[in-house]
């Protein structure tokens, strides 16, 4: 009897230990920031990504007020999410430190009246709960695209009802943090580089970016579809990226796409920019000798602006695949956004103010800085509304026609390409020949890298 009694405590301890182990298995720990060293560049890019989501999401919801019966439509949500699932361990810590994002779906952007708040963790969509964030994203995308009210459950048990918003087609999304300079344009979705977050966008400028993206789809969709029409879009990485372009699967695909696009065309574009800067430097030196320091300083401002616009033209011309076709209708997207910004009570000149901010910050690797042709065409619309003086004021006293003349006098000045469905600048054959977005239509929907 004494022997049995002496063994009971050990059995109790064993049972308790098993219970603890089972509990640990049932509730996997999420990444926490214990202060380790992380990639500072990635950390900054993740923060920029979050800042961009906080800018774009209210603008996307605002765009729903258009209720344009003539545009192709899609469904959006009043919040944006991110997850670090699948990223390397150090990078997961960076996500926690930068945005409070761990493996669970974390809200990183909301509109003013959204029923969710920043930092909320979504653990269930409809009646389904899963610890696989990619699967949860797919269910969230399916619920969104059904266009009917549904609910999500947050960490802590709170259930939140949601109603999708109908907007014009053309998702406006950001490049993954590991490839911050990536840009790709498609009739379904556009990925904008993270540098746009450095321009301190106003609410109207953020709305312009969203409307411009929708306008690119509306005005250029038919032309892009003629170049290539992908039909299989269900159950692909594309679906997940429409909700969270920063997930690990998108990051892997984006990195592969960037590597695939490093071709002769890219080096040629770099050499063109380099040559432009050399020639502009020579011209400025001669200007200083001829007219003195004061006049040269004024010319420096004009030359810098013209140089930035010239580089924007080079960037536009170096796009490949579907994005190259999209670039032929950037001016149409400008006009589309101009007209609809006014309908929403926004400043129709927000495109000009956004352009000027890009110029002043030397942010030339995006679609929102105008080249000479686009600036001239959009200025015609502003003139028709009697807004010419306001445009000149936004451009710091420089007239669009003067800038066009300045650029036209530069060596290797930009000129519109003849439209063609065959692009010699494409990166060649392969999965990413038509661009990242088009490739994602055929890439399996997964956030973690495949095991070798």
Protein backbone atom coordinates (compact mmCIF):
# COMPACT_ATOMS: atom_id res chain seq x y z
CA UNK A 1 0.00 0.00 0.00
CA UNK A 2 2.84 2.36 0.85
CA UNK A 3 4.50 1.54 -2.49
CA UNK A 4 1.37 2.51 -4.42
CA UNK A 5 1.06 5.76 -2.49
CA UNK A 6 4.70 6.64 -3.18
CA UNK A 7 4.17 6.25 -6.92
CA UNK A 8 1.07 8.41 -7.18
CA UNK A 9 2.87 11.77 -7.16
CA UNK A 10 5.10 10.66 -10.05
CA UNK A 11 2.09 9.61 -12.07
CA UNK A 12 0.48 12.94 -11.36
CA UNK A 13 3.61 14.77 -12.50
CA UNK A 14 3.75 12.69 -15.70
CA UNK A 15 0.13 13.42 -16.52
CA UNK A 16 0.67 17.12 -15.89
CA UNK A 17 3.78 17.15 -18.09
CA UNK A 18 1.93 15.44 -20.94
CA UNK A 19 -0.88 17.98 -20.62
CA UNK A 20 1.60 20.84 -20.87
CA UNK A 21 3.23 19.33 -23.96
CA UNK A 22 -0.12 18.76 -25.64
CA UNK A 23 -1.13 22.32 -24.82
CA UNK A 24 2.07 23.59 -26.38
CA UNK A 25 1.38 21.59 -29.55
CA UNK A 26 -2.20 22.86 -29.70
CA UNK A 27 -1.17 26.50 -29.39
CA UNK A 28 2.00 27.19 -31.40
CA UNK A 29 3.90 30.25 -30.32
CA UNK A 30 3.97 33.28 -32.60
CA UNK A 31 7.19 35.18 -33.21
CA UNK A 32 8.13 37.79 -30.64
CA UNK A 33 10.75 40.51 -30.83
CA UNK A 34 13.45 39.64 -28.31
CA UNK A 35 15.73 42.44 -29.51
CA UNK A 36 17.96 40.53 -31.92
CA UNK A 37 19.76 42.24 -34.81
CA UNK A 38 17.74 42.26 -38.03
CA UNK A 39 18.24 43.53 -41.59
CA UNK A 40 17.84 47.29 -41.17
CA UNK A 41 17.03 47.83 -44.86
CA UNK A 42 14.24 45.26 -44.71
CA UNK A 43 13.01 46.77 -41.44
CA UNK A 44 12.73 50.18 -43.09
CA UNK A 45 10.98 48.72 -46.12
CA UNK A 46 8.44 46.92 -43.93
CA UNK A 47 7.70 50.20 -42.18
CA UNK A 48 7.29 51.91 -45.56
CA UNK A 49 4.98 49.08 -46.63
CA UNK A 50 2.80 49.64 -43.56
CA UNK A 51 2.76 53.40 -44.13
CA UNK A 52 1.63 52.80 -47.70
CA UNK A 53 -1.18 50.48 -46.64
CA UNK A 54 -2.39 53.09 -44.15
CA UNK A 55 -2.45 55.65 -46.99
CA UNK A 56 -4.04 53.53 -49.70
CA UNK A 57 -6.79 51.74 -47.79
CA UNK A 58 -8.83 54.88 -46.91
CA UNK A 59 -8.40 56.02 -50.52
CA UNK A 60 -9.65 52.68 -51.85
CA UNK A 61 -12.75 52.93 -49.68
CA UNK A 62 -13.24 56.54 -50.81
CA UNK A 63 -13.09 55.43 -54.44
CA UNK A 64 -16.13 53.20 -53.84
CA UNK A 65 -18.23 56.37 -53.69
CA UNK A 66 -17.86 56.74 -57.46
CA UNK A 67 -20.46 54.05 -58.13
CA UNK A 68 -19.44 54.18 -61.78
CA UNK A 69 -21.84 51.90 -63.65
CA UNK A 70 -19.68 51.96 -66.78
CA UNK A 71 -16.42 50.57 -65.37
CA UNK A 72 -15.63 46.92 -64.81
CA UNK A 73 -15.93 46.28 -61.08
CA UNK A 74 -14.38 44.23 -58.31
CA UNK A 75 -14.75 43.92 -54.54
CA UNK A 76 -12.55 45.44 -51.84
CA UNK A 77 -12.41 45.41 -48.04
CA UNK A 78 -12.09 48.40 -45.67
CA UNK A 79 -8.86 47.02 -44.22
CA UNK A 80 -5.52 45.53 -45.30
CA UNK A 81 -3.71 42.60 -43.70
CA UNK A 82 -0.20 41.16 -43.57
CA UNK A 83 1.44 38.00 -42.25
CA UNK A 84 5.03 36.97 -41.64
CA UNK A 85 4.31 33.27 -42.07
CA UNK A 86 6.94 31.58 -44.21
CA UNK A 87 9.57 34.33 -43.86
CA UNK A 88 12.97 33.48 -42.37
CA UNK A 89 13.23 33.70 -38.58
CA UNK A 90 15.16 36.99 -38.47
CA UNK A 91 12.78 38.52 -41.00
CA UNK A 92 9.77 37.47 -38.92
CA UNK A 93 11.27 39.40 -36.02
CA UNK A 94 11.63 42.42 -38.34
CA UNK A 95 7.92 42.20 -39.19
CA UNK A 96 7.02 42.19 -35.49
CA UNK A 97 9.35 45.12 -34.74
CA UNK A 98 8.21 47.22 -37.70
CA UNK A 99 4.45 46.64 -37.75
CA UNK A 100 3.52 44.25 -34.95
CA UNK A 101 2.86 41.58 -37.59
CA UNK A 102 3.45 37.92 -36.75
CA UNK A 103 2.37 34.66 -38.41
CA UNK A 104 -1.31 35.46 -37.89
CA UNK A 105 -3.26 37.73 -40.23
CA UNK A 106 -2.66 41.18 -38.79
CA UNK A 107 -4.53 44.34 -39.78
CA UNK A 108 -2.05 46.96 -41.05
CA UNK A 109 -4.34 49.45 -42.78
CA UNK A 110 -7.92 50.61 -42.19
CA UNK A 111 -10.36 53.20 -43.41
CA UNK A 112 -11.79 55.72 -40.95
CA UNK A 113 -15.04 53.79 -40.44
CA UNK A 114 -13.66 50.26 -40.68
CA UNK A 115 -15.00 47.82 -38.04
CA UNK A 116 -11.44 46.58 -37.44
CA UNK A 117 -8.49 48.48 -36.01
CA UNK A 118 -4.75 48.43 -36.61
CA UNK A 119 -3.10 45.44 -34.96
CA UNK A 120 -6.18 43.20 -34.84
CA UNK A 121 -5.40 39.51 -35.46
CA UNK A 122 -7.86 37.57 -37.62
CA UNK A 123 -8.03 33.89 -36.69
CA UNK A 124 -11.28 32.80 -38.36
CA UNK A 125 -13.09 33.70 -41.60
CA UNK A 126 -16.75 32.71 -41.71
CA UNK A 127 -16.94 29.46 -39.78
CA UNK A 128 -13.40 28.30 -40.58
CA UNK A 129 -10.37 28.62 -38.34
CA UNK A 130 -6.88 27.60 -39.45
CA UNK A 131 -3.33 28.41 -38.44
CA UNK A 132 -2.27 28.40 -42.09
CA UNK A 133 -2.38 32.10 -42.99
CA UNK A 134 -2.25 31.40 -46.72
CA UNK A 135 -5.38 29.25 -46.42
CA UNK A 136 -7.07 31.90 -44.30
CA UNK A 137 -6.17 34.52 -46.93
CA UNK A 138 -7.76 32.39 -49.63
CA UNK A 139 -10.94 32.13 -47.60
CA UNK A 140 -10.89 35.87 -46.99
CA UNK A 141 -10.46 36.50 -50.73
CA UNK A 142 -13.34 34.16 -51.55
CA UNK A 143 -15.60 35.86 -49.00
CA UNK A 144 -14.65 39.29 -50.35
CA UNK A 145 -15.24 38.34 -53.98
CA UNK A 146 -18.66 36.85 -53.21
CA UNK A 147 -19.73 40.45 -52.50
CA UNK A 148 -21.97 39.47 -49.60
CA UNK A 149 -21.73 40.26 -45.87
CA UNK A 150 -19.64 37.81 -43.85
CA UNK A 151 -17.85 37.77 -40.51
CA UNK A 152 -14.36 37.26 -39.13
CA UNK A 153 -13.28 36.31 -35.64
CA UNK A 154 -10.41 38.08 -33.92
CA UNK A 155 -7.89 36.83 -31.43
CA UNK A 156 -9.74 37.06 -28.13
CA UNK A 157 -13.01 35.77 -29.55
CA UNK A 158 -14.69 38.92 -30.87
CA UNK A 159 -16.76 38.37 -34.04
CA UNK A 160 -16.84 41.27 -36.50
CA UNK A 161 -19.35 41.55 -39.39
CA UNK A 162 -17.93 42.83 -42.70
CA UNK A 163 -19.44 44.01 -45.98
CA UNK A 164 -17.32 44.10 -49.18
CA UNK A 165 -17.23 47.34 -51.20
CA UNK A 166 -17.74 47.49 -54.96
CA UNK A 167 -15.09 49.57 -56.74
CA UNK A 168 -13.77 49.95 -60.28
CA UNK A 169 -11.42 47.19 -61.33
CA UNK A 170 -7.68 47.62 -60.79
CA UNK A 171 -6.19 46.71 -57.40
CA UNK A 172 -3.67 49.29 -56.16
CA UNK A 173 -1.02 47.42 -54.19
CA UNK A 174 2.58 47.87 -53.03
CA UNK A 175 5.78 46.03 -53.87
CA UNK A 176 6.89 43.42 -51.31
CA UNK A 177 9.39 44.83 -48.77
CA UNK A 178 12.27 42.67 -50.07
CA UNK A 179 11.96 44.22 -53.57
CA UNK A 180 11.02 47.84 -52.79
CA UNK A 181 11.76 49.19 -56.29
CA UNK A 182 9.60 46.66 -58.11
CA UNK A 183 6.77 48.04 -60.23
CA UNK A 184 4.38 46.12 -62.47
CA UNK A 185 1.19 47.20 -64.22
CA UNK A 186 -1.64 44.95 -65.35
CA UNK A 187 -5.34 45.29 -66.06
CA UNK A 188 -6.13 43.30 -62.91
CA UNK A 189 -3.65 44.76 -60.44
CA UNK A 190 -0.77 47.23 -60.26
CA UNK A 191 2.20 46.95 -57.91
CA UNK A 192 3.70 50.32 -57.05
CA UNK A 193 7.24 50.73 -55.65
CA UNK A 194 7.61 51.59 -51.99
CA UNK A 195 9.28 54.89 -52.85
CA UNK A 196 5.86 56.48 -53.29
CA UNK A 197 5.47 56.36 -49.50
CA UNK A 198 8.40 58.80 -49.20
CA UNK A 199 6.40 61.59 -50.83
CA UNK A 200 4.20 62.33 -47.79
CA UNK A 201 0.97 61.86 -49.76
CA UNK A 202 -2.10 63.85 -48.84
CA UNK A 203 -5.51 62.16 -48.78
CA UNK A 204 -6.29 63.54 -52.26
CA UNK A 205 -2.93 62.37 -53.61
CA UNK A 206 -3.49 58.88 -52.21
CA UNK A 207 -6.91 58.90 -53.86
CA UNK A 208 -5.26 59.97 -57.14
CA UNK A 209 -2.95 56.94 -56.93
CA UNK A 210 -5.93 54.61 -56.49
CA UNK A 211 -8.02 56.27 -59.21
CA UNK A 212 -5.05 56.25 -61.58
CA UNK A 213 -4.61 52.51 -61.03
CA UNK A 214 -8.29 51.91 -61.72
CA UNK A 215 -8.10 54.16 -64.77
CA UNK A 216 -5.16 52.18 -66.12
CA UNK A 217 -7.31 49.05 -65.97
CA UNK A 218 -10.36 50.74 -67.47
CA UNK A 219 -8.57 52.62 -70.25
CA UNK A 220 -5.85 50.11 -71.04
CA UNK A 221 -7.45 46.77 -70.23
CA UNK A 222 -8.50 45.92 -73.77
CA UNK A 223 -5.05 46.67 -75.16
CA UNK A 224 -3.31 44.65 -72.44
CA UNK A 225 -5.69 41.72 -72.89
CA UNK A 226 -4.92 41.64 -76.60
CA UNK A 227 -1.23 41.30 -75.73
CA UNK A 228 -1.96 38.43 -73.36
CA UNK A 229 -5.11 37.16 -71.70
CA UNK A 230 -4.65 34.89 -68.70
CA UNK A 231 -7.80 32.94 -67.84
CA UNK A 232 -6.80 30.90 -64.79
CA UNK A 233 -6.88 33.19 -61.77
CA UNK A 234 -8.67 31.13 -59.10
CA UNK A 235 -6.60 29.48 -56.40
CA UNK A 236 -3.37 31.26 -57.38
CA UNK A 237 -0.81 33.46 -55.68
CA UNK A 238 -2.48 36.39 -57.43
CA UNK A 239 -5.58 35.98 -55.25
CA UNK A 240 -3.52 36.19 -52.07
CA UNK A 241 -1.56 39.22 -53.26
CA UNK A 242 -4.78 41.17 -53.77
CA UNK A 243 -5.09 41.00 -49.98
CA UNK A 244 -1.46 40.97 -48.80
CA UNK A 245 1.28 41.72 -51.31
CA UNK A 246 3.88 41.46 -48.55
CA UNK A 247 3.41 37.76 -47.85
CA UNK A 248 6.38 35.47 -48.32
CA UNK A 249 5.16 33.77 -51.49
CA UNK A 250 4.85 37.13 -53.20
CA UNK A 251 8.30 38.10 -51.93
CA UNK A 252 9.87 34.98 -53.48
CA UNK A 253 8.07 35.53 -56.78
CA UNK A 254 8.97 39.22 -56.83
CA UNK A 255 12.63 38.48 -56.26
CA UNK A 256 12.59 35.93 -59.08
CA UNK A 257 10.87 38.43 -61.37
CA UNK A 258 13.45 41.12 -60.60
CA UNK A 259 16.27 38.72 -61.40
CA UNK A 260 14.57 37.66 -64.63
CA UNK A 261 14.23 41.28 -65.73
CA UNK A 262 17.95 42.06 -65.33
CA UNK A 263 18.60 42.00 -69.04
CA UNK A 264 20.41 44.05 -71.64
CA UNK A 265 17.44 46.39 -71.84
CA UNK A 266 17.87 47.33 -68.18
CA UNK A 267 21.56 48.11 -68.63
CA UNK A 268 20.81 50.17 -71.71
CA UNK A 269 18.29 52.22 -69.73
CA UNK A 270 20.88 52.80 -67.01
CA UNK A 271 23.42 53.98 -69.56
CA UNK A 272 20.88 56.36 -71.08
CA UNK A 273 20.23 57.98 -67.70
CA UNK A 274 23.97 58.19 -67.02
CA UNK A 275 24.58 59.86 -70.38
CA UNK A 276 21.75 62.31 -69.76
CA UNK A 277 23.27 63.38 -66.44
CA UNK A 278 26.70 63.86 -68.02
CA UNK A 279 25.30 66.01 -70.81
CA UNK A 280 23.14 68.02 -68.42
CA UNK A 281 26.19 68.65 -66.22
CA UNK A 282 28.12 69.97 -69.21
CA UNK A 283 25.26 72.26 -70.19
CA UNK A 284 24.96 73.64 -66.66
CA UNK A 285 28.69 74.33 -66.49
CA UNK A 286 28.52 76.32 -69.73
CA UNK A 287 25.44 78.16 -68.43
CA UNK A 288 27.36 79.22 -65.32
CA UNK A 289 30.16 80.63 -67.47
CA UNK A 290 27.80 82.51 -69.79
CA UNK A 291 25.22 83.98 -67.44
CA UNK A 292 26.75 84.01 -63.98
CA UNK A 293 25.88 82.20 -60.77
CA UNK A 294 22.42 83.76 -60.16
CA UNK A 295 20.94 82.87 -63.53
CA UNK A 296 22.57 79.45 -63.45
CA UNK A 297 20.94 78.71 -60.10
CA UNK A 298 17.55 79.37 -61.66
CA UNK A 299 18.44 77.20 -64.63
CA UNK A 300 19.61 74.47 -62.26
CA UNK A 301 16.11 74.16 -60.87
CA UNK A 302 14.59 73.85 -64.32
CA UNK A 303 17.29 71.40 -65.41
CA UNK A 304 16.78 69.25 -62.34
CA UNK A 305 13.05 69.10 -62.95
CA UNK A 306 13.55 68.32 -66.62
CA UNK A 307 16.15 65.70 -65.75
CA UNK A 308 13.81 63.98 -63.31
CA UNK A 309 11.06 63.91 -65.92
CA UNK A 310 13.53 62.56 -68.46
CA UNK A 311 14.46 59.74 -66.10
CA UNK A 312 10.76 59.02 -65.57
CA UNK A 313 10.41 58.60 -69.33
CA UNK A 314 13.35 56.20 -69.34
CA UNK A 315 11.79 54.18 -66.52
CA UNK A 316 8.51 54.03 -68.39
CA UNK A 317 10.28 52.93 -71.55
CA UNK A 318 12.20 50.18 -69.77
CA UNK A 319 9.08 48.34 -68.57
CA UNK A 320 8.51 44.95 -70.12
CA UNK A 321 5.73 42.45 -70.75
CA UNK A 322 2.16 43.52 -70.00
CA UNK A 323 3.51 46.55 -68.12
CA UNK A 324 5.13 47.81 -71.32
CA UNK A 325 1.73 47.79 -72.99
CA UNK A 326 0.22 49.47 -69.93
CA UNK A 327 2.81 52.24 -70.24
CA UNK A 328 1.37 53.24 -73.60
CA UNK A 329 -1.84 54.34 -71.84
CA UNK A 330 -0.42 56.02 -68.74
CA UNK A 331 -1.70 59.34 -70.09
CA UNK A 332 -5.21 57.85 -70.44
CA UNK A 333 -5.06 56.81 -66.78
CA UNK A 334 -4.04 60.40 -65.90
CA UNK A 335 -7.13 61.75 -67.65
CA UNK A 336 -9.39 59.13 -66.03
CA UNK A 337 -8.14 60.04 -62.55
CA UNK A 338 -8.38 63.78 -63.26
CA UNK A 339 -12.07 63.57 -64.14
CA UNK A 340 -13.07 61.26 -61.30
CA UNK A 341 -11.11 63.02 -58.56
CA UNK A 342 -13.32 66.04 -59.11
CA UNK A 343 -16.45 63.86 -58.91
CA UNK A 344 -15.35 62.70 -55.47
CA UNK A 345 -14.75 66.23 -54.23
CA UNK A 346 -10.97 65.84 -54.37
CA UNK A 347 -8.55 68.32 -55.88
CA UNK A 348 -8.37 67.43 -59.61
CA UNK A 349 -4.81 68.79 -59.60
CA UNK A 350 -3.69 66.18 -57.04
CA UNK A 351 -1.82 64.43 -59.83
CA UNK A 352 0.26 67.58 -60.38
CA UNK A 353 1.03 68.01 -56.67
CA UNK A 354 1.99 64.34 -56.40
CA UNK A 355 4.22 64.70 -59.48
CA UNK A 356 5.93 67.75 -57.97
CA UNK A 357 6.61 65.94 -54.70
CA UNK A 358 8.22 63.10 -56.64
CA UNK A 359 10.37 65.54 -58.59
CA UNK A 360 11.55 67.41 -55.49
CA UNK A 361 12.50 64.15 -53.80
CA UNK A 362 14.13 62.65 -56.94
CA UNK A 363 11.68 59.73 -56.86
CA UNK A 364 11.66 58.83 -60.55
CA UNK A 365 11.07 55.07 -60.43
CA UNK A 366 7.27 55.13 -60.28
CA UNK A 367 4.23 55.86 -62.43
CA UNK A 368 3.18 59.08 -60.70
CA UNK A 369 5.96 61.34 -61.92
CA UNK A 370 5.09 62.65 -65.38
CA UNK A 371 7.29 62.66 -68.43
CA UNK A 372 6.96 65.52 -70.90
CA UNK A 373 4.17 63.95 -72.96
CA UNK A 374 2.00 63.14 -69.96
CA UNK A 375 2.51 66.54 -68.33
CA UNK A 376 1.54 68.32 -71.55
CA UNK A 377 -1.58 66.23 -72.11
CA UNK A 378 -2.87 66.55 -68.55
CA UNK A 379 -2.14 70.28 -68.53
CA UNK A 380 -4.48 70.66 -71.52
CA UNK A 381 -7.31 69.31 -69.38
CA UNK A 382 -6.41 71.67 -66.55
CA UNK A 383 -6.36 74.61 -68.99
CA UNK A 384 -9.82 73.64 -70.25
CA UNK A 385 -11.08 74.10 -66.69
CA UNK A 386 -9.31 77.40 -66.21
CA UNK A 387 -6.72 75.93 -63.85
CA UNK A 388 -3.57 76.83 -65.78
CA UNK A 389 -2.30 79.35 -63.21
CA UNK A 390 -2.79 76.82 -60.40
CA UNK A 391 -0.74 74.26 -62.33
CA UNK A 392 2.12 76.75 -62.82
CA UNK A 393 2.03 77.54 -59.09
CA UNK A 394 2.24 73.84 -58.22
CA UNK A 395 5.21 73.47 -60.57
CA UNK A 396 7.02 76.28 -58.74
CA UNK A 397 6.52 78.79 -61.53
CA UNK A 398 7.64 76.50 -64.35
CA UNK A 399 5.25 76.17 -67.27
CA UNK A 400 4.66 72.71 -68.73
CA UNK A 401 5.46 73.95 -72.24
CA UNK A 402 8.80 75.35 -71.05
CA UNK A 403 9.69 72.04 -69.43
CA UNK A 404 8.74 70.18 -72.60
CA UNK A 405 11.03 72.47 -74.60
CA UNK A 406 13.84 71.96 -72.08
CA UNK A 407 13.51 68.19 -72.30
CA UNK A 408 13.24 68.28 -76.07
CA UNK A 409 16.57 70.09 -76.25
CA UNK A 410 18.32 67.44 -74.16
CA UNK A 411 20.36 64.67 -75.74
CA UNK A 412 18.51 61.36 -75.91
CA UNK A 413 15.25 63.10 -75.08
CA UNK A 414 12.23 60.91 -74.57
CA UNK A 415 9.91 60.18 -77.46
CA UNK A 416 6.73 58.10 -77.42
CA UNK A 417 7.29 54.58 -78.68
CA UNK A 418 5.22 53.28 -81.56
CA UNK A 419 2.62 50.93 -80.16
CA UNK A 420 3.45 47.27 -80.64
CA UNK A 421 2.33 44.04 -79.05
CA UNK A 422 5.84 42.64 -79.50
CA UNK A 423 8.42 44.23 -77.24
CA UNK A 424 12.16 43.87 -77.89
CA UNK A 425 12.68 45.06 -74.32
CA UNK A 426 10.95 42.04 -72.79
CA UNK A 427 13.20 39.94 -70.54
CA UNK A 428 12.77 36.96 -72.85
CA UNK A 429 10.99 33.66 -72.48
CA UNK A 430 10.12 32.13 -69.15
CA UNK A 431 7.55 32.48 -66.40
CA UNK A 432 8.14 36.20 -65.84
CA UNK A 433 8.43 37.30 -69.48
CA UNK A 434 5.05 39.05 -69.27
CA UNK A 435 5.68 40.46 -65.79
CA UNK A 436 5.25 39.44 -62.17
CA UNK A 437 1.49 39.94 -61.96
CA UNK A 438 0.79 37.91 -65.08
CA UNK A 439 3.06 35.13 -63.79
CA UNK A 440 1.26 35.06 -60.43
CA UNK A 441 -1.93 34.06 -62.21
CA UNK A 442 -0.31 30.65 -62.71
CA UNK A 443 1.78 30.33 -59.52
CA UNK A 444 0.27 28.11 -56.78
CA UNK A 445 -1.25 29.94 -53.84
CA UNK A 446 1.25 29.41 -51.07
CA UNK A 447 3.04 31.75 -48.69
CA UNK A 448 5.89 29.45 -47.69
CA UNK A 449 8.73 28.49 -50.01
CA UNK A 450 8.61 25.01 -51.47
CA UNK A 451 10.87 22.40 -49.95
CA UNK A 452 13.58 21.18 -52.32
